[in-house]
């Protein structure tokens, strides 16, 4: 089992409503400005099933938030989200967007 820090996300909009988006991939690594590895959503879910943990870190407070699975009530697919806490900048939706280029 291993722990992986998520430092960025890729999100795609769902067809309805237009503001509804899901995380479809993440980047992990120790440097919040550069991901070492890109994971698809399915790779993250499979890794979690094997007992691996994913988490985020707040840049302002250094507080961590674990990542959990959830089922979207609109599309009935399993996605990931950060566990709720009072720290906004450790939420998956608050992380920078990944930019994986060759």
C-alpha atoms as a PDB file:
ATOM      1  CA  UNK A   1       0.000   0.000   0.000  1.00  0.00           C
ATOM      2  CA  UNK A   2       1.189   3.491  -0.811  1.00  0.00           C
ATOM      3  CA  UNK A   3       0.082   7.080  -0.332  1.00  0.00           C
ATOM      4  CA  UNK A   4      -0.054   9.477  -3.285  1.00  0.00           C
ATOM      5  CA  UNK A   5      -0.351  13.251  -3.097  1.00  0.00           C
ATOM      6  CA  UNK A   6      -2.618  14.695  -5.782  1.00  0.00           C
ATOM      7  CA  UNK A   7      -1.241  18.019  -7.018  1.00  0.00           C
ATOM      8  CA  UNK A   8      -3.476  18.722 -10.036  1.00  0.00           C
ATOM      9  CA  UNK A   9      -6.669  17.541 -11.726  1.00  0.00           C
ATOM     10  CA  UNK A  10      -8.220  17.175 -15.157  1.00  0.00           C
ATOM     11  CA  UNK A  11     -11.986  17.702 -15.315  1.00  0.00           C
ATOM     12  CA  UNK A  12     -14.533  17.213 -18.037  1.00  0.00           C
ATOM     13  CA  UNK A  13     -18.024  18.680 -18.182  1.00  0.00           C
ATOM     14  CA  UNK A  14     -21.012  16.385 -18.097  1.00  0.00           C
ATOM     15  CA  UNK A  15     -23.746  17.070 -20.675  1.00  0.00           C
ATOM     16  CA  UNK A  16     -26.323  18.351 -18.143  1.00  0.00           C
ATOM     17  CA  UNK A  17     -26.104  20.761 -16.438  1.00  0.00           C
ATOM     18  CA  UNK A  18     -23.254  22.597 -18.135  1.00  0.00           C
ATOM     19  CA  UNK A  19     -21.579  23.477 -14.826  1.00  0.00           C
ATOM     20  CA  UNK A  20     -21.495  19.823 -13.776  1.00  0.00           C
ATOM     21  CA  UNK A  21     -17.935  18.498 -14.156  1.00  0.00           C
ATOM     22  CA  UNK A  22     -16.060  15.437 -12.927  1.00  0.00           C
ATOM     23  CA  UNK A  23     -12.414  14.670 -12.301  1.00  0.00           C
ATOM     24  CA  UNK A  24     -11.285  12.299 -15.048  1.00  0.00           C
ATOM     25  CA  UNK A  25      -7.541  12.257 -14.278  1.00  0.00           C
ATOM     26  CA  UNK A  26      -5.109  13.501 -11.651  1.00  0.00           C
ATOM     27  CA  UNK A  27      -1.423  14.204 -11.331  1.00  0.00           C
ATOM     28  CA  UNK A  28       0.551  13.043  -8.302  1.00  0.00           C
ATOM     29  CA  UNK A  29       3.933  13.987  -6.889  1.00  0.00           C
ATOM     30  CA  UNK A  30       5.765  15.771  -4.122  1.00  0.00           C
ATOM     31  CA  UNK A  31       6.036  19.142  -5.892  1.00  0.00           C
ATOM     32  CA  UNK A  32       2.663  20.951  -6.067  1.00  0.00           C
ATOM     33  CA  UNK A  33       3.879  22.792  -9.188  1.00  0.00           C
ATOM     34  CA  UNK A  34       4.782  19.687 -11.201  1.00  0.00           C
ATOM     35  CA  UNK A  35       3.144  16.278 -11.265  1.00  0.00           C
ATOM     36  CA  UNK A  36       5.396  13.236 -11.613  1.00  0.00           C
ATOM     37  CA  UNK A  37       2.666  10.885 -12.815  1.00  0.00           C
ATOM     38  CA  UNK A  38      -0.693  11.141 -14.559  1.00  0.00           C
ATOM     39  CA  UNK A  39      -3.448   8.768 -13.358  1.00  0.00           C
ATOM     40  CA  UNK A  40      -6.764   8.242 -15.108  1.00  0.00           C
ATOM     41  CA  UNK A  41      -9.848   8.059 -12.925  1.00  0.00           C
ATOM     42  CA  UNK A  42     -10.058   4.304 -13.461  1.00  0.00           C
ATOM     43  CA  UNK A  43      -6.398   3.879 -12.431  1.00  0.00           C
ATOM     44  CA  UNK A  44      -7.038   5.848  -9.223  1.00  0.00           C
ATOM     45  CA  UNK A  45     -10.158   3.822  -8.420  1.00  0.00           C
ATOM     46  CA  UNK A  46      -8.309   0.528  -9.010  1.00  0.00           C
ATOM     47  CA  UNK A  47      -5.393   1.690  -6.846  1.00  0.00           C
ATOM     48  CA  UNK A  48      -7.818   2.629  -4.069  1.00  0.00           C
ATOM     49  CA  UNK A  49      -9.399  -0.834  -4.333  1.00  0.00           C
ATOM     50  CA  UNK A  50      -5.922  -2.296  -3.759  1.00  0.00           C
ATOM     51  CA  UNK A  51      -5.582  -0.264  -0.538  1.00  0.00           C
ATOM     52  CA  UNK A  52      -3.601   2.726  -1.816  1.00  0.00           C
ATOM     53  CA  UNK A  53      -4.545   6.158  -0.501  1.00  0.00           C
ATOM     54  CA  UNK A  54      -4.702   9.497  -2.288  1.00  0.00           C
ATOM     55  CA  UNK A  55      -4.685  12.853  -0.548  1.00  0.00           C
ATOM     56  CA  UNK A  56      -4.302  16.597  -1.073  1.00  0.00           C
ATOM     57  CA  UNK A  57      -2.411  19.221   0.921  1.00  0.00           C
ATOM     58  CA  UNK A  58      -3.476  22.792   1.630  1.00  0.00           C
ATOM     59  CA  UNK A  59      -0.810  25.285   0.533  1.00  0.00           C
ATOM     60  CA  UNK A  60      -1.930  27.755   3.216  1.00  0.00           C
ATOM     61  CA  UNK A  61      -2.394  25.504   6.255  1.00  0.00           C
ATOM     62  CA  UNK A  62      -0.546  22.305   5.216  1.00  0.00           C
ATOM     63  CA  UNK A  63      -3.651  20.369   6.297  1.00  0.00           C
ATOM     64  CA  UNK A  64      -4.282  17.170   4.350  1.00  0.00           C
ATOM     65  CA  UNK A  65      -7.572  15.865   3.024  1.00  0.00           C
ATOM     66  CA  UNK A  66      -8.033  12.239   2.052  1.00  0.00           C
ATOM     67  CA  UNK A  67      -9.645  11.402  -1.275  1.00  0.00           C
ATOM     68  CA  UNK A  68     -12.690   9.149  -1.338  1.00  0.00           C
ATOM     69  CA  UNK A  69     -14.925   7.499  -3.901  1.00  0.00           C
ATOM     70  CA  UNK A  70     -18.490   8.637  -4.458  1.00  0.00           C
ATOM     71  CA  UNK A  71     -21.291   7.890  -6.891  1.00  0.00           C
ATOM     72  CA  UNK A  72     -22.647  10.822  -8.869  1.00  0.00           C
ATOM     73  CA  UNK A  73     -26.418  10.938  -8.442  1.00  0.00           C
ATOM     74  CA  UNK A  74     -26.885  12.369 -11.956  1.00  0.00           C
ATOM     75  CA  UNK A  75     -24.809   9.942 -14.012  1.00  0.00           C
ATOM     76  CA  UNK A  76     -24.438   6.979 -11.606  1.00  0.00           C
ATOM     77  CA  UNK A  77     -20.699   6.608 -12.145  1.00  0.00           C
ATOM     78  CA  UNK A  78     -18.058   6.390  -9.438  1.00  0.00           C
ATOM     79  CA  UNK A  79     -15.765   9.410  -9.159  1.00  0.00           C
ATOM     80  CA  UNK A  80     -13.404  10.832  -6.528  1.00  0.00           C
ATOM     81  CA  UNK A  81     -13.612  13.820  -4.218  1.00  0.00           C
ATOM     82  CA  UNK A  82     -11.709  15.142  -1.234  1.00  0.00           C
ATOM     83  CA  UNK A  83     -13.173  14.521   2.193  1.00  0.00           C
ATOM     84  CA  UNK A  84     -15.026  17.556   3.556  1.00  0.00           C
ATOM     85  CA  UNK A  85     -13.245  19.887   5.942  1.00  0.00           C
ATOM     86  CA  UNK A  86     -13.128  23.606   6.661  1.00  0.00           C
ATOM     87  CA  UNK A  87     -10.059  24.190   4.474  1.00  0.00           C
ATOM     88  CA  UNK A  88     -10.943  25.322   0.952  1.00  0.00           C
ATOM     89  CA  UNK A  89      -7.554  25.090  -0.772  1.00  0.00           C
ATOM     90  CA  UNK A  90      -7.030  21.377  -0.136  1.00  0.00           C
ATOM     91  CA  UNK A  91     -10.201  20.439  -2.043  1.00  0.00           C
ATOM     92  CA  UNK A  92      -9.675  18.594  -5.318  1.00  0.00           C
ATOM     93  CA  UNK A  93     -11.711  21.250  -7.120  1.00  0.00           C
ATOM     94  CA  UNK A  94      -9.371  23.955  -5.807  1.00  0.00           C
ATOM     95  CA  UNK A  95      -6.173  22.364  -7.110  1.00  0.00           C
ATOM     96  CA  UNK A  96      -4.572  23.656 -10.269  1.00  0.00           C
ATOM     97  CA  UNK A  97      -5.456  22.026 -13.572  1.00  0.00           C
ATOM     98  CA  UNK A  98      -2.915  19.506 -14.873  1.00  0.00           C
ATOM     99  CA  UNK A  99      -0.901  20.372 -17.948  1.00  0.00           C
ATOM    100  CA  UNK A 100       0.791  17.234 -19.227  1.00  0.00           C
ATOM    101  CA  UNK A 101       2.780  18.080 -22.328  1.00  0.00           C
ATOM    102  CA  UNK A 102       5.400  16.171 -24.211  1.00  0.00           C
END
